[in-house]
Amino acid sequence: MSERVVPEPQRRRRRPTKQGTVLSEQVIVETALRLVGQHGADALTVRRLGGALGADPSALYRYFRNTDDLLLAVADELIGRAQLGWRPTGKWRFDLCELGLRVHASYQAHPQAALLAAHRTTGRDNELRAVEMILGVLRSAGFGDREAVRIYHAFVDQALAFAALDAAALALPHSAQSADLQVWQDRYGRLDASAYPHIVATVRLLAHEMKFSGYPFALELLLDAVEARLPVAGGEPGWVGS
């Protein structure tokens, strides 16, 4: 793509595409998500998108500067979907927990796109709203600005890191996913207790636990640590320093 993005008021097509679709940024992003989900990262090309939309590929230049600009829009769409229907309750820990789980779930619903997008900073509207909400929750809880920013950083990076990790596993062929899980029984389940006593003692629990994402528990641990840093009387964090 090139640097030919058309201002918003001038973007609307007068006629639908060959498939009866009226192009818009949202329609293009949703189509990109579908194509990436079906065919992987290689599907994010102007030619394939144009074909899926029944439009000349050059028409996409009216909406996005290049494929990276489109990728950022896809990333922002995943962030936006995580926020749908969410409202703060005023209970900071509950609110952060729900937001984290929503972000993780949004990326898991589109693992191929998550692999492309989880590490990107979009600067778009949905991301801006998410940053504003998270910082608002933390500042309203009583954290000072510096502490709120540091917690925000840890919270978001944890959520996105697990989103990318779990998305990578989900993006594998089903045969590979099953084979990875089977290792816990076929290899770990047959270890010598004299050499690996701790693995042998817990192998059934390991085989069960590894079927699921570690994110919910990791999030709980992070929020425990955040809660321990809540300001107490006198403005000091609620934990014992060195």
Protein backbone atom coordinates (compact mmCIF):
# COMPACT_ATOMS: atom_id res chain seq x y z
CA MET A 1 0.00 0.00 0.00
CA SER A 2 1.05 3.63 -0.36
CA GLU A 3 0.56 6.94 1.38
CA ARG A 4 -2.86 7.72 -0.14
CA VAL A 5 -5.31 7.43 2.74
CA VAL A 6 -8.47 9.41 2.01
CA PRO A 7 -10.05 11.59 4.75
CA GLU A 8 -12.98 9.92 6.51
CA PRO A 9 -15.80 11.99 4.91
CA GLN A 10 -14.56 11.07 1.41
CA ARG A 11 -14.11 7.33 1.98
CA ARG A 12 -17.56 5.93 1.37
CA ARG A 13 -17.99 4.16 -1.97
CA ARG A 14 -20.97 5.24 -4.03
CA ARG A 15 -21.45 1.69 -5.26
CA PRO A 16 -21.01 -1.65 -3.49
CA THR A 17 -18.29 -4.09 -4.53
CA LYS A 18 -18.92 -7.04 -6.83
CA GLN A 19 -20.05 -8.99 -3.76
CA GLY A 20 -22.47 -6.29 -2.69
CA THR A 21 -20.23 -4.97 0.09
CA VAL A 22 -19.96 -1.27 0.86
CA LEU A 23 -16.37 -0.77 1.95
CA SER A 24 -15.52 0.78 5.29
CA GLU A 25 -12.56 0.54 7.65
CA GLN A 26 -14.57 -1.77 9.92
CA VAL A 27 -15.54 -4.11 7.08
CA ILE A 28 -11.92 -4.34 5.93
CA VAL A 29 -10.67 -5.06 9.45
CA GLU A 30 -13.28 -7.76 10.03
CA THR A 31 -12.42 -9.37 6.70
CA ALA A 32 -8.71 -9.24 7.56
CA LEU A 33 -9.42 -10.97 10.87
CA ARG A 34 -11.35 -13.70 9.10
CA LEU A 35 -8.68 -14.25 6.46
CA VAL A 36 -5.84 -14.37 8.99
CA GLY A 37 -7.84 -16.79 11.10
CA GLN A 38 -8.36 -19.09 8.12
CA HIS A 39 -5.00 -18.79 6.37
CA GLY A 40 -2.50 -17.32 8.84
CA ALA A 41 -0.30 -14.25 8.62
CA ASP A 42 0.33 -14.67 4.89
CA ALA A 43 -3.31 -13.79 4.24
CA LEU A 44 -2.76 -10.17 5.25
CA THR A 45 -2.07 -8.85 1.75
CA VAL A 46 -3.82 -6.25 -0.36
CA ARG A 47 -4.48 -8.76 -3.12
CA ARG A 48 -6.13 -11.36 -0.88
CA LEU A 49 -8.18 -8.75 0.95
CA GLY A 50 -9.34 -7.23 -2.31
CA GLY A 51 -10.33 -10.65 -3.57
CA ALA A 52 -12.25 -11.48 -0.40
CA LEU A 53 -14.08 -8.15 -0.54
CA GLY A 54 -14.74 -8.28 -4.28
CA ALA A 55 -12.94 -4.97 -4.66
CA ASP A 56 -9.96 -3.71 -6.57
CA PRO A 57 -6.98 -3.92 -4.17
CA SER A 58 -6.19 -0.27 -4.84
CA ALA A 59 -9.48 0.69 -3.15
CA LEU A 60 -7.95 -0.30 0.20
CA TYR A 61 -5.48 2.56 -0.14
CA ARG A 62 -8.35 4.89 0.70
CA TYR A 63 -8.47 3.44 4.22
CA PHE A 64 -4.96 2.29 5.19
CA ARG A 65 -1.50 3.62 4.32
CA ASN A 66 0.04 0.15 4.12
CA THR A 67 -0.35 -3.37 5.48
CA ASP A 68 1.25 -2.38 8.79
CA ASP A 69 -1.38 0.33 9.22
CA LEU A 70 -4.01 -2.34 8.63
CA LEU A 71 -2.33 -4.65 11.13
CA LEU A 72 -2.50 -1.92 13.78
CA ALA A 73 -6.21 -1.55 13.05
CA VAL A 74 -6.64 -5.31 13.52
CA ALA A 75 -4.75 -5.14 16.82
CA ASP A 76 -6.94 -2.26 17.95
CA GLU A 77 -10.06 -4.21 17.00
CA LEU A 78 -9.04 -7.04 19.35
CA ILE A 79 -8.53 -4.50 22.14
CA GLY A 80 -11.94 -3.00 21.41
CA ARG A 81 -13.69 -6.37 21.50
CA ALA A 82 -12.24 -6.99 24.95
CA GLN A 83 -13.96 -3.83 26.21
CA LEU A 84 -17.44 -4.51 24.83
CA GLY A 85 -19.97 -4.31 27.65
CA TRP A 86 -17.34 -3.66 30.33
CA ARG A 87 -18.06 -1.03 32.95
CA PRO A 88 -15.99 -0.27 36.06
CA THR A 89 -17.64 -1.25 39.32
CA GLY A 90 -15.42 0.82 41.58
CA LYS A 91 -13.84 -2.35 43.00
CA TRP A 92 -10.34 -2.01 41.58
CA ARG A 93 -9.24 -5.62 41.92
CA PHE A 94 -12.44 -7.02 40.39
CA ASP A 95 -12.26 -4.50 37.55
CA LEU A 96 -8.62 -5.25 36.70
CA CYS A 97 -9.23 -8.98 36.88
CA GLU A 98 -12.17 -8.77 34.50
CA LEU A 99 -10.29 -6.54 32.08
CA GLY A 100 -7.27 -8.83 32.04
CA LEU A 101 -9.38 -11.92 31.40
CA ARG A 102 -11.32 -10.11 28.69
CA VAL A 103 -8.14 -9.07 26.88
CA HIS A 104 -6.78 -12.60 27.09
CA ALA A 105 -10.04 -14.09 25.82
CA SER A 106 -10.25 -11.62 22.93
CA TYR A 107 -6.83 -12.64 21.67
CA GLN A 108 -7.51 -16.35 22.19
CA ALA A 109 -10.59 -16.05 20.01
CA HIS A 110 -8.27 -14.98 17.15
CA PRO A 111 -4.96 -16.75 17.80
CA GLN A 112 -3.47 -16.19 14.35
CA ALA A 113 -4.14 -12.46 14.58
CA ALA A 114 -2.87 -12.41 18.16
CA LEU A 115 0.51 -13.70 17.01
CA LEU A 116 0.77 -10.70 14.70
CA ALA A 117 -0.75 -8.08 16.96
CA ALA A 118 -0.21 -8.78 20.67
CA HIS A 119 3.14 -6.97 20.81
CA ARG A 120 2.07 -3.87 18.87
CA THR A 121 1.19 -0.40 20.18
CA THR A 122 -1.62 0.97 18.03
CA GLY A 123 -2.21 4.50 19.30
CA ARG A 124 -5.79 4.06 18.10
CA ASP A 125 -9.07 4.77 19.86
CA ASN A 126 -9.68 1.39 21.48
CA GLU A 127 -6.18 1.23 22.89
CA LEU A 128 -6.44 4.80 24.17
CA ARG A 129 -9.69 3.95 25.97
CA ALA A 130 -8.14 0.84 27.51
CA VAL A 131 -5.10 2.72 28.81
CA GLU A 132 -7.33 5.46 30.20
CA MET A 133 -9.60 2.95 31.94
CA ILE A 134 -6.80 0.95 33.54
CA LEU A 135 -4.99 4.03 34.78
CA GLY A 136 -8.30 5.40 36.05
CA VAL A 137 -8.96 2.22 38.03
CA LEU A 138 -5.51 2.36 39.61
CA ARG A 139 -5.53 6.08 40.41
CA SER A 140 -9.04 5.82 41.85
CA ALA A 141 -7.82 2.96 44.07
CA GLY A 142 -5.33 5.37 45.62
CA PHE A 143 -2.10 4.61 43.81
CA GLY A 144 0.15 7.56 43.04
CA ASP A 145 0.87 8.35 39.42
CA ARG A 146 4.30 6.71 39.27
CA GLU A 147 3.06 3.57 40.98
CA ALA A 148 -0.07 3.47 38.82
CA VAL A 149 2.04 3.62 35.65
CA ARG A 150 4.37 0.86 36.82
CA ILE A 151 1.46 -1.39 37.76
CA TYR A 152 -0.26 -0.61 34.45
CA HIS A 153 2.90 -1.64 32.62
CA ALA A 154 3.20 -4.95 34.48
CA PHE A 155 -0.52 -5.69 34.18
CA VAL A 156 -0.73 -5.09 30.43
CA ASP A 157 2.55 -6.83 29.61
CA GLN A 158 1.48 -9.89 31.59
CA ALA A 159 -1.88 -10.06 29.82
CA LEU A 160 -0.38 -9.63 26.35
CA ALA A 161 2.53 -12.01 27.00
CA PHE A 162 0.15 -14.79 28.03
CA ALA A 163 -2.13 -13.88 25.12
CA ALA A 164 0.74 -14.32 22.67
CA LEU A 165 2.01 -17.50 24.34
CA ASP A 166 -1.40 -19.16 24.45
CA ALA A 167 -2.23 -17.94 20.95
CA ALA A 168 0.93 -19.60 19.64
CA ALA A 169 -0.22 -22.91 21.11
CA LEU A 170 -3.75 -22.50 19.74
CA ALA A 171 -2.40 -21.63 16.31
CA LEU A 172 -0.64 -24.99 16.06
CA PRO A 173 -2.32 -27.77 14.07
CA HIS A 174 -4.58 -29.87 16.29
CA SER A 175 -2.26 -32.84 15.89
CA ALA A 176 0.66 -30.81 17.28
CA GLN A 177 -1.43 -29.50 20.18
CA SER A 178 -2.45 -33.05 21.11
CA ALA A 179 1.12 -34.32 20.76
CA ASP A 180 2.44 -31.60 23.09
CA LEU A 181 -0.10 -32.50 25.76
CA GLN A 182 0.58 -36.20 25.34
CA VAL A 183 4.23 -35.64 26.26
CA TRP A 184 3.16 -35.12 29.88
CA GLN A 185 1.88 -38.68 29.98
CA ASP A 186 4.19 -40.46 27.56
CA ARG A 187 7.45 -38.93 28.75
CA TYR A 188 6.90 -37.30 32.12
CA GLY A 189 4.57 -40.06 33.26
CA ARG A 190 7.27 -42.70 32.82
CA LEU A 191 10.18 -41.02 34.57
CA ASP A 192 12.23 -42.77 37.25
CA ALA A 193 11.21 -41.55 40.70
CA SER A 194 14.76 -41.87 41.97
CA ALA A 195 15.98 -39.37 39.38
CA TYR A 196 12.94 -37.07 39.23
CA PRO A 197 11.09 -37.49 42.54
CA HIS A 198 9.24 -34.16 42.41
CA ILE A 199 7.98 -34.64 38.86
CA VAL A 200 6.84 -38.18 39.57
CA ALA A 201 5.04 -37.05 42.73
CA THR A 202 3.06 -34.41 40.85
CA VAL A 203 2.84 -35.74 37.30
CA ARG A 204 -0.93 -36.31 37.35
CA LEU A 205 -1.48 -32.76 38.48
CA LEU A 206 0.98 -31.51 35.86
CA ALA A 207 -0.74 -33.42 33.06
CA HIS A 208 -4.09 -31.93 34.09
CA GLU A 209 -2.86 -28.37 34.67
CA MET A 210 -1.04 -28.08 31.37
CA LYS A 211 -4.31 -28.44 29.48
CA PHE A 212 -5.20 -24.91 30.55
CA SER A 213 -3.71 -21.45 30.37
CA GLY A 214 -1.64 -20.34 33.33
CA TYR A 215 -2.87 -16.79 32.92
CA PRO A 216 -5.81 -16.70 35.37
CA PHE A 217 -3.61 -17.85 38.26
CA ALA A 218 -0.72 -15.62 37.19
CA LEU A 219 -3.14 -12.69 37.12
CA GLU A 220 -4.32 -13.58 40.62
CA LEU A 221 -0.72 -13.60 41.83
CA LEU A 222 -0.05 -10.23 40.21
CA LEU A 223 -3.14 -8.70 41.80
CA ASP A 224 -2.09 -10.09 45.19
CA ALA A 225 1.20 -8.24 44.78
CA VAL A 226 -0.57 -5.07 43.64
CA GLU A 227 -2.92 -5.21 46.62
CA ALA A 228 0.07 -5.49 48.95
CA ARG A 229 1.28 -2.16 47.57
CA LEU A 230 -1.92 -0.25 48.22
CA PRO A 231 -1.19 3.00 50.08
CA VAL A 232 -1.94 2.97 53.79
CA ALA A 233 -2.14 5.77 56.32
CA GLY A 234 0.69 8.21 55.77
CA GLY A 235 0.86 7.53 52.04
CA GLU A 236 3.30 4.62 52.20
CA PRO A 237 2.73 1.38 50.31
CA GLY A 238 1.14 -1.38 52.38
CA TRP A 239 4.18 -3.63 52.40
CA VAL A 240 7.37 -3.96 54.41
CA GLY A 241 10.44 -2.77 52.55
CA SER A 242 14.05 -3.75 53.07
